[in-house]
């Protein structure tokens, strides 16, 4: 699980792609403490040869 909070300066998260996971839950908490979540399949993430992948909240799609 990764989170974005109102205390961060942006809505980016960084994933370690060398870890084993099939889905990732990304949770966003805004300034009024409303909580939103997105469950994303690893297969739907962009391919990268680097060990890390940085994503923007708005660029992520929901998956099941």
PDB file of N, CA and C in Angstrom:
ATOM      1  N   UNK A   1       0.847  -1.162   0.000  1.00  0.00           N
ATOM      2  CA  UNK A   1       0.000   0.000   0.000  1.00  0.00           C
ATOM      3  C   UNK A   1       0.897   1.230   0.000  1.00  0.00           C
ATOM      4  N   UNK A   2       0.533   2.200  -0.817  1.00  0.00           N
ATOM      5  CA  UNK A   2       1.219   3.495  -0.877  1.00  0.00           C
ATOM      6  C   UNK A   2       0.194   4.578  -0.586  1.00  0.00           C
ATOM      7  N   UNK A   3       0.636   5.680   0.002  1.00  0.00           N
ATOM      8  CA  UNK A   3      -0.288   6.767   0.324  1.00  0.00           C
ATOM      9  C   UNK A   3       0.227   8.102  -0.187  1.00  0.00           C
ATOM     10  N   UNK A   4      -0.724   8.979  -0.500  1.00  0.00           N
ATOM     11  CA  UNK A   4      -0.421  10.391  -0.724  1.00  0.00           C
ATOM     12  C   UNK A   4      -1.238  11.141   0.324  1.00  0.00           C
ATOM     13  N   UNK A   5      -0.652  12.143   0.945  1.00  0.00           N
ATOM     14  CA  UNK A   5      -1.305  12.878   2.022  1.00  0.00           C
ATOM     15  C   UNK A   5      -1.195  14.373   1.768  1.00  0.00           C
ATOM     16  N   UNK A   6      -1.974  15.179   2.491  1.00  0.00           N
ATOM     17  CA  UNK A   6      -1.888  16.632   2.296  1.00  0.00           C
ATOM     18  C   UNK A   6      -0.548  17.198   2.739  1.00  0.00           C
ATOM     19  N   UNK A   7       0.249  16.423   3.447  1.00  0.00           N
ATOM     20  CA  UNK A   7       1.550  16.893   3.923  1.00  0.00           C
ATOM     21  C   UNK A   7       2.637  16.758   2.865  1.00  0.00           C
ATOM     22  N   UNK A   8       2.344  16.040   1.786  1.00  0.00           N
ATOM     23  CA  UNK A   8       3.298  15.904   0.683  1.00  0.00           C
ATOM     24  C   UNK A   8       3.124  17.076  -0.279  1.00  0.00           C
ATOM     25  N   UNK A   9       4.169  17.399  -0.990  1.00  0.00           N
ATOM     26  CA  UNK A   9       4.096  18.535  -1.922  1.00  0.00           C
ATOM     27  C   UNK A   9       3.506  18.146  -3.275  1.00  0.00           C
ATOM     28  N   UNK A  10       3.309  16.832  -3.518  1.00  0.00           N
ATOM     29  CA  UNK A  10       2.738  16.381  -4.787  1.00  0.00           C
ATOM     30  C   UNK A  10       1.994  15.065  -4.577  1.00  0.00           C
ATOM     31  N   UNK A  11       1.346  14.584  -5.625  1.00  0.00           N
ATOM     32  CA  UNK A  11       0.581  13.333  -5.559  1.00  0.00           C
ATOM     33  C   UNK A  11       1.312  12.198  -6.261  1.00  0.00           C
ATOM     34  N   UNK A  12       2.624  12.179  -6.146  1.00  0.00           N
ATOM     35  CA  UNK A  12       3.432  11.121  -6.770  1.00  0.00           C
ATOM     36  C   UNK A  12       3.758  10.042  -5.757  1.00  0.00           C
ATOM     37  N   UNK A  13       3.804   8.811  -6.257  1.00  0.00           N
ATOM     38  CA  UNK A  13       4.286   7.699  -5.443  1.00  0.00           C
ATOM     39  C   UNK A  13       5.382   6.994  -6.224  1.00  0.00           C
ATOM     40  N   UNK A  14       6.280   6.358  -5.509  1.00  0.00           N
ATOM     41  CA  UNK A  14       7.364   5.605  -6.136  1.00  0.00           C
ATOM     42  C   UNK A  14       7.254   4.145  -5.713  1.00  0.00           C
ATOM     43  N   UNK A  15       7.257   3.263  -6.695  1.00  0.00           N
ATOM     44  CA  UNK A  15       7.168   1.831  -6.441  1.00  0.00           C
ATOM     45  C   UNK A  15       8.507   1.172  -6.681  1.00  0.00           C
ATOM     46  N   UNK A  16       8.848   0.231  -5.832  1.00  0.00           N
ATOM     47  CA  UNK A  16      10.033  -0.597  -6.035  1.00  0.00           C
ATOM     48  C   UNK A  16       9.587  -1.801  -6.857  1.00  0.00           C
ATOM     49  N   UNK A  17       9.910  -1.811  -8.133  1.00  0.00           N
ATOM     50  CA  UNK A  17       9.447  -2.849  -9.042  1.00  0.00           C
ATOM     51  C   UNK A  17      10.199  -4.163  -8.863  1.00  0.00           C
ATOM     52  N   UNK A  18      11.214  -4.181  -8.027  1.00  0.00           N
ATOM     53  CA  UNK A  18      11.937  -5.414  -7.754  1.00  0.00           C
ATOM     54  C   UNK A  18      11.235  -6.248  -6.679  1.00  0.00           C
ATOM     55  N   UNK A  19      10.215  -5.684  -6.036  1.00  0.00           N
ATOM     56  CA  UNK A  19       9.423  -6.408  -5.031  1.00  0.00           C
ATOM     57  C   UNK A  19       8.376  -7.259  -5.726  1.00  0.00           C
ATOM     58  N   UNK A  20       7.944  -8.295  -5.058  1.00  0.00           N
ATOM     59  CA  UNK A  20       6.912  -9.178  -5.608  1.00  0.00           C
ATOM     60  C   UNK A  20       5.540  -8.692  -5.171  1.00  0.00           C
ATOM     61  N   UNK A  21       4.703  -8.315  -6.127  1.00  0.00           N
ATOM     62  CA  UNK A  21       3.314  -7.953  -5.862  1.00  0.00           C
ATOM     63  C   UNK A  21       2.516  -8.103  -7.142  1.00  0.00           C
ATOM     64  N   UNK A  22       1.245  -8.404  -7.002  1.00  0.00           N
ATOM     65  CA  UNK A  22       0.378  -8.512  -8.173  1.00  0.00           C
ATOM     66  C   UNK A  22      -0.580  -7.328  -8.255  1.00  0.00           C
ATOM     67  N   UNK A  23      -0.877  -6.708  -7.121  1.00  0.00           N
ATOM     68  CA  UNK A  23      -1.725  -5.518  -7.073  1.00  0.00           C
ATOM     69  C   UNK A  23      -1.136  -4.560  -6.050  1.00  0.00           C
ATOM     70  N   UNK A  24      -1.459  -3.281  -6.235  1.00  0.00           N
ATOM     71  CA  UNK A  24      -1.031  -2.269  -5.264  1.00  0.00           C
ATOM     72  C   UNK A  24      -2.243  -1.390  -4.950  1.00  0.00           C
ATOM     73  N   UNK A  25      -2.441  -1.117  -3.674  1.00  0.00           N
ATOM     74  CA  UNK A  25      -3.497  -0.215  -3.241  1.00  0.00           C
ATOM     75  C   UNK A  25      -2.860   1.137  -2.963  1.00  0.00           C
ATOM     76  N   UNK A  26      -3.338   2.150  -3.671  1.00  0.00           N
ATOM     77  CA  UNK A  26      -2.825   3.500  -3.490  1.00  0.00           C
ATOM     78  C   UNK A  26      -3.933   4.327  -2.858  1.00  0.00           C
ATOM     79  N   UNK A  27      -3.638   4.937  -1.723  1.00  0.00           N
ATOM     80  CA  UNK A  27      -4.624   5.680  -0.942  1.00  0.00           C
ATOM     81  C   UNK A  27      -4.228   7.150  -0.938  1.00  0.00           C
ATOM     82  N   UNK A  28      -5.226   8.004  -1.222  1.00  0.00           N
ATOM     83  CA  UNK A  28      -4.995   9.452  -1.216  1.00  0.00           C
ATOM     84  C   UNK A  28      -5.855  10.073  -0.118  1.00  0.00           C
ATOM     85  N   UNK A  29      -5.219  10.857   0.740  1.00  0.00           N
ATOM     86  CA  UNK A  29      -5.908  11.572   1.813  1.00  0.00           C
ATOM     87  C   UNK A  29      -5.729  13.059   1.534  1.00  0.00           C
ATOM     88  N   UNK A  30      -6.855  13.785   1.373  1.00  0.00           N
ATOM     89  CA  UNK A  30      -6.735  15.202   1.033  1.00  0.00           C
ATOM     90  C   UNK A  30      -6.737  16.072   2.284  1.00  0.00           C
ATOM     91  N   UNK A  31      -6.724  17.381   2.100  1.00  0.00           N
ATOM     92  CA  UNK A  31      -6.614  18.334   3.201  1.00  0.00           C
ATOM     93  C   UNK A  31      -7.771  18.296   4.181  1.00  0.00           C
ATOM     94  N   UNK A  32      -8.949  17.820   3.746  1.00  0.00           N
ATOM     95  CA  UNK A  32     -10.101  17.684   4.650  1.00  0.00           C
ATOM     96  C   UNK A  32     -10.265  16.228   5.105  1.00  0.00           C
ATOM     97  N   UNK A  33      -9.218  15.463   4.925  1.00  0.00           N
ATOM     98  CA  UNK A  33      -9.130  14.074   5.362  1.00  0.00           C
ATOM     99  C   UNK A  33     -10.151  13.149   4.703  1.00  0.00           C
ATOM    100  N   UNK A  34     -10.547  13.484   3.472  1.00  0.00           N
ATOM    101  CA  UNK A  34     -11.337  12.561   2.669  1.00  0.00           C
ATOM    102  C   UNK A  34     -10.369  11.526   2.113  1.00  0.00           C
ATOM    103  N   UNK A  35     -10.797  10.275   2.097  1.00  0.00           N
ATOM    104  CA  UNK A  35      -9.933   9.175   1.675  1.00  0.00           C
ATOM    105  C   UNK A  35     -10.466   8.586   0.377  1.00  0.00           C
ATOM    106  N   UNK A  36      -9.565   8.409  -0.591  1.00  0.00           N
ATOM    107  CA  UNK A  36      -9.879   7.749  -1.858  1.00  0.00           C
ATOM    108  C   UNK A  36      -8.832   6.673  -2.067  1.00  0.00           C
ATOM    109  N   UNK A  37      -9.214   5.605  -2.738  1.00  0.00           N
ATOM    110  CA  UNK A  37      -8.261   4.535  -3.002  1.00  0.00           C
ATOM    111  C   UNK A  37      -8.365   4.030  -4.425  1.00  0.00           C
ATOM    112  N   UNK A  38      -7.261   3.542  -4.939  1.00  0.00           N
ATOM    113  CA  UNK A  38      -7.215   2.911  -6.254  1.00  0.00           C
ATOM    114  C   UNK A  38      -6.443   1.605  -6.114  1.00  0.00           C
ATOM    115  N   UNK A  39      -7.057   0.529  -6.587  1.00  0.00           N
ATOM    116  CA  UNK A  39      -6.414  -0.771  -6.615  1.00  0.00           C
ATOM    117  C   UNK A  39      -5.940  -0.998  -8.039  1.00  0.00           C
ATOM    118  N   UNK A  40      -4.643  -1.184  -8.216  1.00  0.00           N
ATOM    119  CA  UNK A  40      -4.052  -1.253  -9.552  1.00  0.00           C
ATOM    120  C   UNK A  40      -3.332  -2.584  -9.724  1.00  0.00           C
ATOM    121  N   UNK A  41      -3.617  -3.266 -10.841  1.00  0.00           N
ATOM    122  CA  UNK A  41      -2.906  -4.493 -11.190  1.00  0.00           C
ATOM    123  C   UNK A  41      -1.495  -4.158 -11.632  1.00  0.00           C
ATOM    124  N   UNK A  42      -0.545  -4.951 -11.219  1.00  0.00           N
ATOM    125  CA  UNK A  42       0.840  -4.744 -11.651  1.00  0.00           C
ATOM    126  C   UNK A  42       0.940  -4.813 -13.170  1.00  0.00           C
ATOM    127  N   UNK A  43       0.185  -5.707 -13.783  1.00  0.00           N
ATOM    128  CA  UNK A  43       0.238  -5.872 -15.238  1.00  0.00           C
ATOM    129  C   UNK A  43      -0.190  -4.609 -15.987  1.00  0.00           C
ATOM    130  N   UNK A  44      -0.983  -3.744 -15.345  1.00  0.00           N
ATOM    131  CA  UNK A  44      -1.438  -2.523 -16.019  1.00  0.00           C
ATOM    132  C   UNK A  44      -0.470  -1.354 -15.839  1.00  0.00           C
ATOM    133  N   UNK A  45       0.580  -1.538 -15.024  1.00  0.00           N
ATOM    134  CA  UNK A  45       1.568  -0.478 -14.824  1.00  0.00           C
ATOM    135  C   UNK A  45       2.504  -0.388 -16.029  1.00  0.00           C
ATOM    136  N   UNK A  46       3.041   0.789 -16.286  1.00  0.00           N
ATOM    137  CA  UNK A  46       3.993   0.928 -17.398  1.00  0.00           C
ATOM    138  C   UNK A  46       5.220   0.047 -17.183  1.00  0.00           C
ATOM    139  N   UNK A  47       5.716  -0.509 -18.243  1.00  0.00           N
ATOM    140  CA  UNK A  47       6.934  -1.332 -18.179  1.00  0.00           C
ATOM    141  C   UNK A  47       8.143  -0.419 -17.990  1.00  0.00           C
ATOM    142  N   UNK A  48       9.089  -0.896 -17.194  1.00  0.00           N
ATOM    143  CA  UNK A  48      10.322  -0.140 -16.973  1.00  0.00           C
ATOM    144  C   UNK A  48      11.474  -1.105 -16.749  1.00  0.00           C
ATOM    145  N   UNK A  49      12.652  -0.731 -17.189  1.00  0.00           N
ATOM    146  CA  UNK A  49      13.831  -1.557 -16.936  1.00  0.00           C
ATOM    147  C   UNK A  49      14.525  -1.102 -15.656  1.00  0.00           C
ATOM    148  N   UNK A  50      14.121   0.058 -15.145  1.00  0.00           N
ATOM    149  CA  UNK A  50      14.678   0.567 -13.886  1.00  0.00           C
ATOM    150  C   UNK A  50      14.023  -0.167 -12.718  1.00  0.00           C
ATOM    151  N   UNK A  51      14.642  -0.122 -11.577  1.00  0.00           N
ATOM    152  CA  UNK A  51      14.097  -0.777 -10.393  1.00  0.00           C
ATOM    153  C   UNK A  51      12.974  -0.009  -9.735  1.00  0.00           C
ATOM    154  N   UNK A  52      12.814   1.266 -10.069  1.00  0.00           N
ATOM    155  CA  UNK A  52      11.796   2.126  -9.460  1.00  0.00           C
ATOM    156  C   UNK A  52      10.872   2.683 -10.537  1.00  0.00           C
ATOM    157  N   UNK A  53       9.616   2.884 -10.150  1.00  0.00           N
ATOM    158  CA  UNK A  53       8.629   3.468 -11.048  1.00  0.00           C
ATOM    159  C   UNK A  53       7.899   4.565 -10.286  1.00  0.00           C
ATOM    160  N   UNK A  54       7.874   5.784 -10.822  1.00  0.00           N
ATOM    161  CA  UNK A  54       7.178   6.904 -10.205  1.00  0.00           C
ATOM    162  C   UNK A  54       5.892   7.161 -10.974  1.00  0.00           C
ATOM    163  N   UNK A  55       4.784   7.276 -10.240  1.00  0.00           N
ATOM    164  CA  UNK A  55       3.468   7.460 -10.838  1.00  0.00           C
ATOM    165  C   UNK A  55       2.757   8.652 -10.217  1.00  0.00           C
ATOM    166  N   UNK A  56       1.901   9.293 -11.006  1.00  0.00           N
ATOM    167  CA  UNK A  56       1.042  10.377 -10.541  1.00  0.00           C
ATOM    168  C   UNK A  56      -0.342   9.808 -10.247  1.00  0.00           C
ATOM    169  N   UNK A  57      -0.976  10.263  -9.191  1.00  0.00           N
ATOM    170  CA  UNK A  57      -2.316   9.807  -8.819  1.00  0.00           C
ATOM    171  C   UNK A  57      -3.287   9.928  -9.991  1.00  0.00           C
ATOM    172  N   UNK A  58      -3.306  11.081 -10.650  1.00  0.00           N
ATOM    173  CA  UNK A  58      -4.277  11.319 -11.734  1.00  0.00           C
ATOM    174  C   UNK A  58      -4.041  10.419 -12.946  1.00  0.00           C
ATOM    175  N   UNK A  59      -2.860   9.857 -13.102  1.00  0.00           N
ATOM    176  CA  UNK A  59      -2.564   9.007 -14.245  1.00  0.00           C
ATOM    177  C   UNK A  59      -2.961   7.551 -14.000  1.00  0.00           C
ATOM    178  N   UNK A  60      -3.349   7.227 -12.783  1.00  0.00           N
ATOM    179  CA  UNK A  60      -3.683   5.842 -12.438  1.00  0.00           C
ATOM    180  C   UNK A  60      -5.149   5.546 -12.710  1.00  0.00           C
ATOM    181  N   UNK A  61      -5.404   4.368 -13.249  1.00  0.00           N
ATOM    182  CA  UNK A  61      -6.778   3.916 -13.484  1.00  0.00           C
ATOM    183  C   UNK A  61      -7.141   2.883 -12.431  1.00  0.00           C
ATOM    184  N   UNK A  62      -8.425   2.790 -12.142  1.00  0.00           N
ATOM    185  CA  UNK A  62      -8.907   1.724 -11.237  1.00  0.00           C
ATOM    186  C   UNK A  62      -8.788   0.384 -11.932  1.00  0.00           C
ATOM    187  N   UNK A  63      -8.580  -0.640 -11.149  1.00  0.00           N
ATOM    188  CA  UNK A  63      -8.693  -2.001 -11.655  1.00  0.00           C
ATOM    189  C   UNK A  63      -9.378  -2.809 -10.569  1.00  0.00           C
ATOM    190  N   UNK A  64      -9.624  -4.068 -10.861  1.00  0.00           N
ATOM    191  CA  UNK A  64     -10.398  -4.865  -9.915  1.00  0.00           C
ATOM    192  C   UNK A  64      -9.546  -5.646  -9.018  1.00  0.00           C
TER     193      UNK A  64
END
